[in-house]
């Protein structure tokens, strides 16, 4: 089963309708985090949707089982959208664009951190390693968002560009660290 609707005009969507016990509140928070982590959007309270794919279906099936184990209930549907498909796709892309925008913001933070290293003249391997780890986290985060971005949100290009700028600046910083560390020996 693919993600194209029966009429070929729109996506098929997985829809998870659920109810979790009111207490403890951590259960609701846990479900919310998992749904957001999958990249699903909320159509309304306790109704989440993802474009249909085998991987998305597996994830929603697992979550449905977890909700049942919490003492809640959940229903998983595969739907064609009869009306409002464009709005659902826009909401899904807006969610991805928000994630891409957050990555761009974190890239700006990363660049400011490198600038601080220059200002403080901290050109050590320890600082380089710390910044390299931060860049790896940014790359991994971008990869997760890209994997969820099955509809091609517009913010991807800006996020890729921001990450490339971070990589370039870190490479320049690394060269300075190598030069400084080489001089101190």
N, C-alpha and C. Protein backbone atom coordinates (compact mmCIF):
# COMPACT_ATOMS: atom_id res chain seq x y z
N UNK A 1 0.84 -1.17 0.00
CA UNK A 1 0.00 0.00 0.00
C UNK A 1 0.89 1.24 0.00
N UNK A 2 0.68 2.14 -0.94
CA UNK A 2 1.51 3.33 -1.00
C UNK A 2 0.76 4.53 -0.44
N UNK A 3 1.38 5.72 -0.53
CA UNK A 3 0.80 6.89 0.10
C UNK A 3 -0.15 7.66 -0.81
N UNK A 4 -0.33 7.24 -2.06
CA UNK A 4 -1.22 7.95 -2.97
C UNK A 4 -2.65 7.46 -2.77
N UNK A 5 -3.57 8.41 -2.77
CA UNK A 5 -4.98 8.08 -2.56
C UNK A 5 -5.54 7.24 -3.69
N UNK A 6 -6.68 6.67 -3.46
CA UNK A 6 -7.32 5.79 -4.42
C UNK A 6 -7.58 6.49 -5.75
N UNK A 7 -7.86 7.79 -5.72
CA UNK A 7 -8.12 8.52 -6.96
C UNK A 7 -6.85 9.09 -7.58
N UNK A 8 -5.71 8.87 -6.94
CA UNK A 8 -4.43 9.33 -7.46
C UNK A 8 -4.17 10.81 -7.22
N UNK A 9 -5.11 11.53 -6.60
CA UNK A 9 -4.98 12.97 -6.47
C UNK A 9 -4.31 13.43 -5.18
N UNK A 10 -4.32 12.63 -4.19
CA UNK A 10 -3.75 13.08 -2.91
C UNK A 10 -3.12 11.94 -2.16
N UNK A 11 -2.57 12.31 -1.05
CA UNK A 11 -1.92 11.32 -0.20
C UNK A 11 -2.94 10.51 0.57
N UNK A 12 -2.52 9.33 0.92
CA UNK A 12 -3.25 8.55 1.93
C UNK A 12 -2.57 8.90 3.24
N UNK A 13 -3.38 8.99 4.26
CA UNK A 13 -2.86 9.38 5.57
C UNK A 13 -3.17 8.30 6.59
N UNK A 14 -2.23 8.11 7.49
CA UNK A 14 -2.47 7.30 8.68
C UNK A 14 -3.01 8.25 9.73
N UNK A 15 -4.07 7.85 10.38
CA UNK A 15 -4.67 8.69 11.41
C UNK A 15 -4.75 7.86 12.69
N UNK A 16 -4.15 8.38 13.74
CA UNK A 16 -4.18 7.75 15.06
C UNK A 16 -5.09 8.57 15.95
N UNK A 17 -6.16 7.92 16.41
CA UNK A 17 -7.11 8.55 17.32
C UNK A 17 -6.93 7.85 18.66
N UNK A 18 -6.64 8.60 19.69
CA UNK A 18 -6.31 7.94 20.95
C UNK A 18 -6.86 8.67 22.16
N UNK A 19 -6.89 7.93 23.25
CA UNK A 19 -7.25 8.48 24.55
C UNK A 19 -6.36 7.81 25.58
N UNK A 20 -5.70 8.60 26.39
CA UNK A 20 -4.86 8.06 27.46
C UNK A 20 -5.46 8.49 28.80
N UNK A 21 -5.18 7.73 29.84
CA UNK A 21 -5.69 8.10 31.16
C UNK A 21 -5.23 9.51 31.54
N UNK A 22 -6.08 10.22 32.26
CA UNK A 22 -5.76 11.59 32.68
C UNK A 22 -4.58 11.64 33.65
N UNK A 23 -4.44 10.63 34.46
CA UNK A 23 -3.34 10.57 35.43
C UNK A 23 -2.59 9.27 35.25
N UNK A 24 -1.33 9.24 35.42
CA UNK A 24 -0.44 10.39 35.61
C UNK A 24 -0.26 11.16 34.29
N UNK A 25 -0.03 12.45 34.42
CA UNK A 25 0.08 13.31 33.23
C UNK A 25 1.28 12.95 32.38
N UNK A 26 2.26 12.29 32.95
CA UNK A 26 3.45 11.92 32.18
C UNK A 26 3.10 11.00 31.01
N UNK A 27 2.01 10.24 31.14
CA UNK A 27 1.59 9.37 30.04
C UNK A 27 1.20 10.18 28.82
N UNK A 28 0.40 11.22 29.03
CA UNK A 28 0.01 12.10 27.91
C UNK A 28 1.23 12.75 27.30
N UNK A 29 2.13 13.22 28.16
CA UNK A 29 3.35 13.88 27.68
C UNK A 29 4.21 12.91 26.88
N UNK A 30 4.29 11.69 27.33
CA UNK A 30 5.07 10.67 26.63
C UNK A 30 4.51 10.41 25.23
N UNK A 31 3.20 10.27 25.14
CA UNK A 31 2.56 10.03 23.84
C UNK A 31 2.78 11.24 22.93
N UNK A 32 2.60 12.43 23.47
CA UNK A 32 2.79 13.65 22.68
C UNK A 32 4.22 13.72 22.12
N UNK A 33 5.21 13.44 22.97
CA UNK A 33 6.61 13.46 22.53
C UNK A 33 6.85 12.46 21.41
N UNK A 34 6.30 11.26 21.56
CA UNK A 34 6.50 10.23 20.54
C UNK A 34 5.84 10.63 19.23
N UNK A 35 4.66 11.20 19.30
CA UNK A 35 3.98 11.63 18.08
C UNK A 35 4.77 12.74 17.39
N UNK A 36 5.24 13.70 18.15
CA UNK A 36 6.05 14.77 17.58
C UNK A 36 7.36 14.22 17.02
N UNK A 37 7.95 13.26 17.72
CA UNK A 37 9.20 12.65 17.26
C UNK A 37 9.05 11.91 15.94
N UNK A 38 7.85 11.42 15.69
CA UNK A 38 7.58 10.75 14.42
C UNK A 38 7.34 11.76 13.30
N UNK A 39 7.11 13.01 13.67
CA UNK A 39 6.83 14.04 12.68
C UNK A 39 5.36 14.16 12.36
N UNK A 40 4.51 13.51 13.13
CA UNK A 40 3.07 13.58 12.89
C UNK A 40 2.55 14.96 13.25
N UNK A 41 1.41 15.29 12.67
CA UNK A 41 0.73 16.53 13.00
C UNK A 41 -0.58 16.20 13.70
N UNK A 42 -1.04 17.12 14.50
CA UNK A 42 -2.33 16.96 15.15
C UNK A 42 -3.40 17.60 14.29
N UNK A 43 -4.43 16.82 13.95
CA UNK A 43 -5.58 17.37 13.25
C UNK A 43 -6.52 18.02 14.24
N UNK A 44 -6.54 17.49 15.45
CA UNK A 44 -7.22 18.06 16.61
C UNK A 44 -6.73 17.29 17.82
N UNK A 45 -7.25 17.60 19.00
CA UNK A 45 -6.79 16.92 20.21
C UNK A 45 -6.91 15.41 20.05
N UNK A 46 -5.83 14.73 20.34
CA UNK A 46 -5.77 13.26 20.33
C UNK A 46 -6.05 12.63 18.98
N UNK A 47 -5.85 13.39 17.91
CA UNK A 47 -5.99 12.87 16.54
C UNK A 47 -4.76 13.32 15.76
N UNK A 48 -3.86 12.37 15.52
CA UNK A 48 -2.60 12.67 14.85
C UNK A 48 -2.56 12.00 13.48
N UNK A 49 -1.83 12.63 12.55
CA UNK A 49 -1.77 12.10 11.19
C UNK A 49 -0.35 12.14 10.65
N UNK A 50 -0.07 11.15 9.82
CA UNK A 50 1.19 11.04 9.09
C UNK A 50 0.89 10.56 7.67
N UNK A 51 1.67 11.02 6.69
CA UNK A 51 1.53 10.43 5.36
C UNK A 51 1.79 8.92 5.47
N UNK A 52 1.00 8.15 4.77
CA UNK A 52 1.12 6.69 4.87
C UNK A 52 2.43 6.20 4.26
N UNK A 53 3.10 5.35 5.00
CA UNK A 53 4.27 4.61 4.53
C UNK A 53 4.39 3.39 5.44
N UNK A 54 5.07 2.36 4.98
CA UNK A 54 5.24 1.19 5.86
C UNK A 54 5.92 1.54 7.19
N UNK A 55 6.93 2.40 7.14
CA UNK A 55 7.64 2.77 8.37
C UNK A 55 6.73 3.56 9.31
N UNK A 56 5.95 4.49 8.76
CA UNK A 56 5.03 5.27 9.60
C UNK A 56 3.97 4.36 10.20
N UNK A 57 3.49 3.41 9.41
CA UNK A 57 2.49 2.49 9.93
C UNK A 57 3.05 1.66 11.08
N UNK A 58 4.27 1.16 10.92
CA UNK A 58 4.90 0.39 12.01
C UNK A 58 4.99 1.24 13.27
N UNK A 59 5.43 2.48 13.11
CA UNK A 59 5.61 3.36 14.26
C UNK A 59 4.29 3.64 14.95
N UNK A 60 3.25 3.92 14.18
CA UNK A 60 1.94 4.17 14.78
C UNK A 60 1.37 2.91 15.42
N UNK A 61 1.63 1.74 14.83
CA UNK A 61 1.14 0.49 15.42
C UNK A 61 1.82 0.26 16.78
N UNK A 62 3.11 0.51 16.85
CA UNK A 62 3.83 0.36 18.11
C UNK A 62 3.27 1.33 19.15
N UNK A 63 3.06 2.58 18.74
CA UNK A 63 2.53 3.58 19.66
C UNK A 63 1.12 3.20 20.11
N UNK A 64 0.32 2.69 19.19
CA UNK A 64 -1.04 2.25 19.55
C UNK A 64 -0.97 1.18 20.64
N UNK A 65 -0.04 0.25 20.49
CA UNK A 65 0.14 -0.80 21.49
C UNK A 65 0.58 -0.21 22.82
N UNK A 66 1.49 0.75 22.80
CA UNK A 66 1.97 1.38 24.04
C UNK A 66 0.82 2.10 24.75
N UNK A 67 -0.03 2.77 23.97
CA UNK A 67 -1.18 3.46 24.56
C UNK A 67 -2.10 2.46 25.24
N UNK A 68 -2.34 1.32 24.59
CA UNK A 68 -3.19 0.28 25.18
C UNK A 68 -2.56 -0.23 26.47
N UNK A 69 -1.24 -0.41 26.49
CA UNK A 69 -0.55 -0.87 27.69
C UNK A 69 -0.63 0.15 28.83
N UNK A 70 -0.84 1.43 28.49
CA UNK A 70 -1.00 2.49 29.50
C UNK A 70 -2.40 2.49 30.09
N UNK A 71 -3.26 1.69 29.51
CA UNK A 71 -4.66 1.69 29.94
C UNK A 71 -5.53 2.61 29.11
N UNK A 72 -5.00 3.06 27.99
CA UNK A 72 -5.76 3.93 27.10
C UNK A 72 -6.33 3.14 25.94
N UNK A 73 -6.84 3.88 24.96
CA UNK A 73 -7.37 3.24 23.76
C UNK A 73 -6.88 4.03 22.55
N UNK A 74 -6.73 3.31 21.43
CA UNK A 74 -6.25 3.97 20.22
C UNK A 74 -6.76 3.22 19.00
N UNK A 75 -7.04 3.98 17.97
CA UNK A 75 -7.50 3.43 16.70
C UNK A 75 -6.59 3.96 15.62
N UNK A 76 -6.21 3.09 14.71
CA UNK A 76 -5.33 3.47 13.61
C UNK A 76 -6.08 3.26 12.30
N UNK A 77 -6.19 4.34 11.53
CA UNK A 77 -6.91 4.31 10.27
C UNK A 77 -5.99 4.70 9.12
N UNK A 78 -6.29 4.18 7.94
CA UNK A 78 -5.65 4.65 6.71
C UNK A 78 -6.76 5.34 5.94
N UNK A 79 -6.53 6.62 5.59
CA UNK A 79 -7.59 7.41 4.99
C UNK A 79 -7.17 8.10 3.72
N UNK A 80 -8.14 8.23 2.81
CA UNK A 80 -8.05 9.19 1.72
C UNK A 80 -8.73 10.44 2.24
N UNK A 81 -8.22 11.60 1.90
CA UNK A 81 -8.84 12.84 2.32
C UNK A 81 -9.80 13.27 1.21
N UNK A 82 -11.05 13.38 1.55
CA UNK A 82 -12.06 13.77 0.57
C UNK A 82 -12.08 15.28 0.36
N UNK A 83 -11.81 16.02 1.41
CA UNK A 83 -11.76 17.47 1.33
C UNK A 83 -10.76 17.97 2.36
N UNK A 84 -9.96 18.94 1.99
CA UNK A 84 -9.00 19.52 2.92
C UNK A 84 -7.59 18.95 2.83
N UNK A 85 -7.31 18.16 1.79
CA UNK A 85 -5.98 17.58 1.68
C UNK A 85 -4.89 18.65 1.62
N UNK A 86 -5.13 19.71 0.86
CA UNK A 86 -4.12 20.76 0.74
C UNK A 86 -3.80 21.36 2.11
N UNK A 87 -4.83 21.54 2.93
CA UNK A 87 -4.61 22.11 4.26
C UNK A 87 -3.81 21.17 5.15
N UNK A 88 -4.09 19.89 5.05
CA UNK A 88 -3.34 18.92 5.85
C UNK A 88 -1.88 18.89 5.40
N UNK A 89 -1.66 18.89 4.08
CA UNK A 89 -0.29 18.92 3.56
C UNK A 89 0.43 20.19 4.00
N UNK A 90 -0.28 21.32 3.97
CA UNK A 90 0.33 22.58 4.42
C UNK A 90 0.70 22.51 5.89
N UNK A 91 -0.16 21.94 6.70
CA UNK A 91 0.13 21.80 8.13
C UNK A 91 1.35 20.90 8.35
N UNK A 92 1.42 19.82 7.57
CA UNK A 92 2.55 18.90 7.69
C UNK A 92 3.84 19.61 7.29
N UNK A 93 3.81 20.34 6.17
CA UNK A 93 5.00 21.08 5.73
C UNK A 93 5.35 22.19 6.70
N UNK A 94 4.36 22.85 7.28
CA UNK A 94 4.63 23.90 8.26
C UNK A 94 5.35 23.32 9.48
N UNK A 95 4.96 22.12 9.89
CA UNK A 95 5.64 21.47 11.02
C UNK A 95 7.11 21.20 10.67
N UNK A 96 7.37 20.74 9.46
CA UNK A 96 8.75 20.51 9.05
C UNK A 96 9.51 21.83 8.95
N UNK A 97 8.86 22.86 8.39
CA UNK A 97 9.52 24.17 8.29
C UNK A 97 9.87 24.72 9.67
N UNK A 98 9.01 24.49 10.65
CA UNK A 98 9.32 24.91 12.03
C UNK A 98 10.58 24.19 12.52
N UNK A 99 10.67 22.91 12.22
CA UNK A 99 11.86 22.15 12.63
C UNK A 99 13.10 22.66 11.90
N UNK A 100 12.97 22.91 10.60
CA UNK A 100 14.11 23.44 9.84
C UNK A 100 14.53 24.81 10.38
N UNK A 101 13.56 25.64 10.73
CA UNK A 101 13.86 26.96 11.28
C UNK A 101 14.60 26.84 12.60
N UNK A 102 14.21 25.88 13.42
CA UNK A 102 14.91 25.68 14.68
C UNK A 102 16.35 25.24 14.44
N UNK A 103 16.56 24.42 13.43
CA UNK A 103 17.93 24.02 13.08
C UNK A 103 18.74 25.23 12.64
N UNK A 104 18.15 26.09 11.82
CA UNK A 104 18.84 27.32 11.39
C UNK A 104 19.20 28.16 12.61
N UNK A 105 18.28 28.28 13.56
CA UNK A 105 18.56 29.04 14.79
C UNK A 105 19.71 28.40 15.56
N UNK A 106 19.72 27.09 15.67
CA UNK A 106 20.81 26.41 16.39
C UNK A 106 22.13 26.56 15.64
N UNK A 107 22.06 26.61 14.33
CA UNK A 107 23.28 26.85 13.55
C UNK A 107 23.84 28.24 13.85
N UNK A 108 22.96 29.22 14.00
CA UNK A 108 23.40 30.56 14.37
C UNK A 108 24.07 30.54 15.75
N UNK A 109 23.49 29.80 16.67
CA UNK A 109 24.11 29.64 17.99
C UNK A 109 25.49 29.01 17.87
N UNK A 110 25.60 28.00 17.02
CA UNK A 110 26.87 27.31 16.80
C UNK A 110 27.91 28.30 16.28
N UNK A 111 27.52 29.11 15.29
CA UNK A 111 28.45 30.08 14.72
C UNK A 111 28.87 31.12 15.75
N UNK A 112 27.95 31.52 16.61
CA UNK A 112 28.29 32.46 17.68
C UNK A 112 29.27 31.84 18.66
N UNK A 113 29.11 30.54 18.92
CA UNK A 113 30.03 29.86 19.82
C UNK A 113 31.45 29.82 19.22
N UNK A 114 31.54 29.56 17.94
CA UNK A 114 32.86 29.56 17.29
C UNK A 114 33.46 30.97 17.34
N UNK A 115 32.62 31.97 17.13
CA UNK A 115 33.09 33.36 17.21
C UNK A 115 33.63 33.67 18.61
N UNK A 116 32.98 33.15 19.64
CA UNK A 116 33.46 33.33 21.01
C UNK A 116 34.84 32.69 21.19
N UNK A 117 35.02 31.54 20.55
CA UNK A 117 36.33 30.86 20.65
C UNK A 117 37.42 31.75 20.04
N UNK A 118 37.10 32.37 18.91
CA UNK A 118 38.06 33.28 18.28
C UNK A 118 38.34 34.48 19.18
N UNK A 119 37.29 35.07 19.72
CA UNK A 119 37.43 36.26 20.56
C UNK A 119 38.27 35.95 21.80
N UNK A 120 38.01 34.78 22.40
CA UNK A 120 38.75 34.39 23.60
C UNK A 120 40.09 33.74 23.27
N UNK A 121 40.36 33.57 21.99
CA UNK A 121 41.58 32.92 21.51
C UNK A 121 41.75 31.53 22.12
N UNK A 122 40.65 30.77 22.12
CA UNK A 122 40.67 29.38 22.55
C UNK A 122 40.83 28.50 21.32
N UNK A 123 42.06 28.19 21.02
CA UNK A 123 42.35 27.36 19.85
C UNK A 123 42.99 26.06 20.32
N UNK A 124 42.18 25.23 20.99
CA UNK A 124 42.68 23.98 21.54
C UNK A 124 41.91 22.81 20.94
N UNK A 125 42.55 21.65 21.03
CA UNK A 125 41.89 20.44 20.54
C UNK A 125 40.62 20.13 21.35
N UNK A 126 40.63 20.45 22.64
CA UNK A 126 39.46 20.21 23.48
C UNK A 126 38.27 21.03 22.99
N UNK A 127 38.51 22.30 22.68
CA UNK A 127 37.43 23.16 22.16
C UNK A 127 36.98 22.66 20.78
N UNK A 128 37.93 22.26 19.97
CA UNK A 128 37.60 21.74 18.63
C UNK A 128 36.73 20.49 18.74
N UNK A 129 37.09 19.60 19.65
CA UNK A 129 36.33 18.37 19.82
C UNK A 129 34.90 18.67 20.28
N UNK A 130 34.77 19.60 21.22
CA UNK A 130 33.45 19.98 21.72
C UNK A 130 32.59 20.56 20.60
N UNK A 131 33.17 21.43 19.79
CA UNK A 131 32.43 22.03 18.68
C UNK A 131 32.12 21.01 17.60
N UNK A 132 33.02 20.07 17.39
CA UNK A 132 32.78 19.01 16.41
C UNK A 132 31.60 18.14 16.86
N UNK A 133 31.52 17.85 18.15
CA UNK A 133 30.39 17.07 18.68
C UNK A 133 29.08 17.82 18.48
N UNK A 134 29.10 19.13 18.68
CA UNK A 134 27.90 19.94 18.46
C UNK A 134 27.47 19.90 16.99
N UNK A 135 28.45 19.93 16.10
CA UNK A 135 28.13 19.86 14.67
C UNK A 135 27.54 18.51 14.30
N UNK A 136 28.05 17.44 14.88
CA UNK A 136 27.51 16.10 14.64
C UNK A 136 26.05 16.05 15.08
N UNK A 137 25.75 16.66 16.22
CA UNK A 137 24.36 16.69 16.71
C UNK A 137 23.46 17.44 15.72
N UNK A 138 23.96 18.55 15.19
CA UNK A 138 23.18 19.30 14.21
C UNK A 138 22.95 18.47 12.94
N UNK A 139 23.98 17.78 12.49
CA UNK A 139 23.83 16.92 11.29
C UNK A 139 22.80 15.83 11.53
N UNK A 140 22.89 15.18 12.69
CA UNK A 140 21.95 14.10 13.01
C UNK A 140 20.52 14.61 13.10
N UNK A 141 20.36 15.77 13.70
CA UNK A 141 19.04 16.36 13.83
C UNK A 141 18.47 16.67 12.44
N UNK A 142 19.29 17.27 11.58
CA UNK A 142 18.85 17.58 10.22
C UNK A 142 18.46 16.30 9.49
N UNK A 143 19.24 15.25 9.66
CA UNK A 143 18.93 13.97 8.99
C UNK A 143 17.56 13.44 9.44
N UNK A 144 17.25 13.58 10.73
CA UNK A 144 15.95 13.12 11.23
C UNK A 144 14.81 13.93 10.62
N UNK A 145 14.99 15.23 10.54
CA UNK A 145 13.94 16.08 9.97
C UNK A 145 13.79 15.78 8.47
N UNK A 146 14.90 15.62 7.78
CA UNK A 146 14.84 15.29 6.35
C UNK A 146 14.10 13.97 6.12
N UNK A 147 14.32 13.00 6.99
CA UNK A 147 13.64 11.71 6.85
C UNK A 147 12.13 11.86 7.03
N UNK A 148 11.71 12.78 7.88
CA UNK A 148 10.28 13.03 8.10
C UNK A 148 9.68 13.90 7.00
N UNK A 149 10.51 14.61 6.29
CA UNK A 149 10.06 15.60 5.31
C UNK A 149 9.70 14.93 3.98
N UNK A 150 8.69 14.11 4.01
CA UNK A 150 8.31 13.34 2.82
C UNK A 150 7.54 14.16 1.80
N UNK A 151 7.10 15.36 2.17
CA UNK A 151 6.34 16.20 1.23
C UNK A 151 7.15 17.37 0.68
N UNK A 152 8.40 17.49 1.10
CA UNK A 152 9.27 18.52 0.54
C UNK A 152 9.00 19.93 1.05
N UNK A 153 9.11 20.14 2.34
CA UNK A 153 8.91 21.46 2.93
C UNK A 153 9.95 22.45 2.41
N UNK A 154 9.55 23.69 2.33
CA UNK A 154 10.39 24.72 1.72
C UNK A 154 11.60 25.12 2.56
N UNK A 155 11.59 24.86 3.86
CA UNK A 155 12.67 25.29 4.73
C UNK A 155 13.94 24.46 4.65
N UNK A 156 13.89 23.37 3.92
CA UNK A 156 15.05 22.47 3.85
C UNK A 156 16.30 23.16 3.30
N UNK A 157 16.14 23.91 2.23
CA UNK A 157 17.30 24.54 1.59
C UNK A 157 18.03 25.47 2.54
N UNK A 158 17.28 26.26 3.30
CA UNK A 158 17.90 27.18 4.25
C UNK A 158 18.64 26.42 5.35
N UNK A 159 18.04 25.34 5.83
CA UNK A 159 18.69 24.53 6.87
C UNK A 159 19.97 23.90 6.35
N UNK A 160 19.92 23.37 5.13
CA UNK A 160 21.13 22.79 4.53
C UNK A 160 22.23 23.83 4.38
N UNK A 161 21.84 25.01 3.93
CA UNK A 161 22.81 26.09 3.76
C UNK A 161 23.42 26.50 5.09
N UNK A 162 22.60 26.60 6.11
CA UNK A 162 23.10 26.97 7.44
C UNK A 162 24.07 25.93 7.97
N UNK A 163 23.74 24.66 7.77
CA UNK A 163 24.63 23.59 8.23
C UNK A 163 25.94 23.60 7.44
N UNK A 164 25.87 23.84 6.16
CA UNK A 164 27.09 23.92 5.35
C UNK A 164 27.98 25.06 5.84
N UNK A 165 27.35 26.18 6.22
CA UNK A 165 28.12 27.31 6.75
C UNK A 165 28.80 26.91 8.06
N UNK A 166 28.10 26.18 8.90
CA UNK A 166 28.70 25.69 10.16
C UNK A 166 29.89 24.79 9.88
N UNK A 167 29.75 23.90 8.91
CA UNK A 167 30.85 23.00 8.55
C UNK A 167 32.05 23.78 8.06
N UNK A 168 31.80 24.79 7.23
CA UNK A 168 32.89 25.61 6.70
C UNK A 168 33.60 26.36 7.81
N UNK A 169 32.85 26.97 8.70
CA UNK A 169 33.43 27.73 9.80
C UNK A 169 34.20 26.81 10.75
N UNK A 170 33.67 25.62 10.99
CA UNK A 170 34.40 24.69 11.86
C UNK A 170 35.69 24.23 11.20
N UNK A 171 35.66 24.01 9.89
CA UNK A 171 36.90 23.64 9.18
C UNK A 171 37.94 24.74 9.30
N UNK A 172 37.52 25.99 9.18
CA UNK A 172 38.45 27.12 9.32
C UNK A 172 38.98 27.19 10.75
N UNK A 173 38.12 26.97 11.72
CA UNK A 173 38.53 26.97 13.12
C UNK A 173 39.53 25.83 13.37
N UNK A 174 39.25 24.67 12.81
CA UNK A 174 40.16 23.52 12.97
C UNK A 174 41.54 23.86 12.42
N UNK A 175 41.59 24.51 11.28
CA UNK A 175 42.89 24.89 10.70
C UNK A 175 43.64 25.82 11.65
N UNK A 176 42.92 26.72 12.28
CA UNK A 176 43.55 27.63 13.23
C UNK A 176 44.05 26.87 14.46
N UNK A 177 43.24 25.90 14.94
CA UNK A 177 43.66 25.08 16.08
C UNK A 177 44.93 24.32 15.73
N UNK A 178 44.97 23.72 14.55
CA UNK A 178 46.15 22.96 14.14
C UNK A 178 47.38 23.87 14.09
N UNK A 179 47.20 25.08 13.57
CA UNK A 179 48.32 26.02 13.49
C UNK A 179 48.79 26.44 14.88
N UNK A 180 47.85 26.75 15.76
CA UNK A 180 48.18 27.19 17.11
C UNK A 180 48.83 26.05 17.91
N UNK A 181 48.25 24.89 17.84
CA UNK A 181 48.78 23.74 18.59
C UNK A 181 50.16 23.34 18.04
N UNK A 182 50.34 23.49 16.75
CA UNK A 182 51.64 23.17 16.14
C UNK A 182 52.71 24.12 16.59
N UNK A 183 52.34 25.40 16.79
CA UNK A 183 53.29 26.39 17.25
C UNK A 183 53.69 26.20 18.69
N UNK A 184 52.81 25.61 19.50
CA UNK A 184 53.10 25.50 20.94
C UNK A 184 54.01 24.33 21.26
N UNK A 185 54.32 23.53 20.29
CA UNK A 185 55.17 22.37 20.57
C UNK A 185 56.59 22.63 20.34
